[in-house]
Amino acid sequence: MPTAIDGNMGSAKDLVVWLPSAKDNGS
């Protein structure tokens, strides 16, 4: 999972990057 240190905006940006990666990795 992504770790956000910038608060909600950081979380959103991490999720936008992480979700496609997770689908590609099959995780």
PDB file of N, CA and C in Angstrom:
ATOM      1  N   MET A   1       0.849  -1.197   0.000  1.00  0.00           N
ATOM      2  CA  MET A   1       0.000   0.000   0.000  1.00  0.00           C
ATOM      3  C   MET A   1       0.881   1.241   0.000  1.00  0.00           C
ATOM      4  N   PRO A   2       0.373   2.325  -0.557  1.00  0.00           N
ATOM      5  CA  PRO A   2       1.126   3.582  -0.543  1.00  0.00           C
ATOM      6  C   PRO A   2       1.119   4.197   0.842  1.00  0.00           C
ATOM      7  N   THR A   3       2.196   4.900   1.172  1.00  0.00           N
ATOM      8  CA  THR A   3       2.230   5.625   2.436  1.00  0.00           C
ATOM      9  C   THR A   3       2.187   7.108   2.135  1.00  0.00           C
ATOM     10  N   ALA A   4       1.206   7.793   2.696  1.00  0.00           N
ATOM     11  CA  ALA A   4       1.025   9.214   2.419  1.00  0.00           C
ATOM     12  C   ALA A   4       1.498  10.023   3.613  1.00  0.00           C
ATOM     13  N   ILE A   5       2.399  10.984   3.373  1.00  0.00           N
ATOM     14  CA  ILE A   5       2.878  11.859   4.438  1.00  0.00           C
ATOM     15  C   ILE A   5       2.418  13.288   4.202  1.00  0.00           C
ATOM     16  N   ASP A   6       1.707  13.509   3.099  1.00  0.00           N
ATOM     17  CA  ASP A   6       1.264  14.852   2.737  1.00  0.00           C
ATOM     18  C   ASP A   6      -0.206  15.064   3.041  1.00  0.00           C
ATOM     19  N   GLY A   7      -0.840  14.137   3.748  1.00  0.00           N
ATOM     20  CA  GLY A   7      -2.255  14.302   4.039  1.00  0.00           C
ATOM     21  C   GLY A   7      -3.123  13.768   2.921  1.00  0.00           C
ATOM     22  N   ASN A   8      -4.356  14.259   2.822  1.00  0.00           N
ATOM     23  CA  ASN A   8      -5.337  13.696   1.895  1.00  0.00           C
ATOM     24  C   ASN A   8      -4.903  13.835   0.442  1.00  0.00           C
ATOM     25  N   MET A   9      -4.331  14.970   0.064  1.00  0.00           N
ATOM     26  CA  MET A   9      -3.901  15.146  -1.314  1.00  0.00           C
ATOM     27  C   MET A   9      -2.783  14.158  -1.644  1.00  0.00           C
ATOM     28  N   GLY A  10      -1.894  13.947  -0.702  1.00  0.00           N
ATOM     29  CA  GLY A  10      -0.831  12.967  -0.893  1.00  0.00           C
ATOM     30  C   GLY A  10      -1.408  11.575  -1.077  1.00  0.00           C
ATOM     31  N   SER A  11      -2.424  11.245  -0.277  1.00  0.00           N
ATOM     32  CA  SER A  11      -3.053   9.929  -0.380  1.00  0.00           C
ATOM     33  C   SER A  11      -3.667   9.748  -1.759  1.00  0.00           C
ATOM     34  N   ALA A  12      -4.369  10.773  -2.220  1.00  0.00           N
ATOM     35  CA  ALA A  12      -5.031  10.688  -3.517  1.00  0.00           C
ATOM     36  C   ALA A  12      -3.998  10.464  -4.621  1.00  0.00           C
ATOM     37  N   LYS A  13      -2.909  11.220  -4.584  1.00  0.00           N
ATOM     38  CA  LYS A  13      -1.886  11.081  -5.615  1.00  0.00           C
ATOM     39  C   LYS A  13      -1.255   9.697  -5.558  1.00  0.00           C
ATOM     40  N   ASP A  14      -0.981   9.209  -4.335  1.00  0.00           N
ATOM     41  CA  ASP A  14      -0.385   7.878  -4.202  1.00  0.00           C
ATOM     42  C   ASP A  14      -1.320   6.808  -4.740  1.00  0.00           C
ATOM     43  N   LEU A  15      -2.617   6.946  -4.445  1.00  0.00           N
ATOM     44  CA  LEU A  15      -3.570   5.936  -4.896  1.00  0.00           C
ATOM     45  C   LEU A  15      -3.682   5.940  -6.410  1.00  0.00           C
ATOM     46  N   VAL A  16      -3.666   7.130  -7.016  1.00  0.00           N
ATOM     47  CA  VAL A  16      -3.762   7.218  -8.473  1.00  0.00           C
ATOM     48  C   VAL A  16      -2.593   6.483  -9.115  1.00  0.00           C
ATOM     49  N   VAL A  17      -1.419   6.578  -8.498  1.00  0.00           N
ATOM     50  CA  VAL A  17      -0.243   5.889  -9.027  1.00  0.00           C
ATOM     51  C   VAL A  17      -0.277   4.413  -8.676  1.00  0.00           C
ATOM     52  N   TRP A  18      -0.717   4.109  -7.443  1.00  0.00           N
ATOM     53  CA  TRP A  18      -0.599   2.748  -6.925  1.00  0.00           C
ATOM     54  C   TRP A  18      -1.650   1.817  -7.512  1.00  0.00           C
ATOM     55  N   LEU A  19      -2.873   2.295  -7.683  1.00  0.00           N
ATOM     56  CA  LEU A  19      -3.938   1.403  -8.143  1.00  0.00           C
ATOM     57  C   LEU A  19      -3.625   0.773  -9.500  1.00  0.00           C
ATOM     58  N   PRO A  20      -3.218   1.541 -10.521  1.00  0.00           N
ATOM     59  CA  PRO A  20      -2.862   0.912 -11.798  1.00  0.00           C
ATOM     60  C   PRO A  20      -1.687  -0.059 -11.640  1.00  0.00           C
ATOM     61  N   SER A  21      -0.727   0.277 -10.797  1.00  0.00           N
ATOM     62  CA  SER A  21       0.418  -0.602 -10.588  1.00  0.00           C
ATOM     63  C   SER A  21      -0.023  -1.912  -9.969  1.00  0.00           C
ATOM     64  N   ALA A  22      -0.938  -1.838  -9.024  1.00  0.00           N
ATOM     65  CA  ALA A  22      -1.431  -3.042  -8.359  1.00  0.00           C
ATOM     66  C   ALA A  22      -2.143  -3.945  -9.364  1.00  0.00           C
ATOM     67  N   LYS A  23      -2.917  -3.348 -10.255  1.00  0.00           N
ATOM     68  CA  LYS A  23      -3.623  -4.144 -11.262  1.00  0.00           C
ATOM     69  C   LYS A  23      -2.615  -4.804 -12.197  1.00  0.00           C
ATOM     70  N   ASP A  24      -1.562  -4.089 -12.575  1.00  0.00           N
ATOM     71  CA  ASP A  24      -0.543  -4.655 -13.452  1.00  0.00           C
ATOM     72  C   ASP A  24       0.191  -5.795 -12.759  1.00  0.00           C
ATOM     73  N   ASN A  25       0.433  -5.638 -11.455  1.00  0.00           N
ATOM     74  CA  ASN A  25       1.183  -6.639 -10.704  1.00  0.00           C
ATOM     75  C   ASN A  25       0.312  -7.807 -10.289  1.00  0.00           C
ATOM     76  N   GLY A  26      -0.999  -7.642 -10.389  1.00  0.00           N
ATOM     77  CA  GLY A  26      -1.906  -8.694  -9.971  1.00  0.00           C
ATOM     78  C   GLY A  26      -1.959  -8.835  -8.458  1.00  0.00           C
ATOM     79  N   SER A  27      -1.535  -7.788  -7.749  1.00  0.00           N
ATOM     80  CA  SER A  27      -1.526  -7.834  -6.287  1.00  0.00           C
ATOM     81  C   SER A  27      -2.926  -7.562  -5.765  1.00  0.00           C
TER      82      SER A  27
END
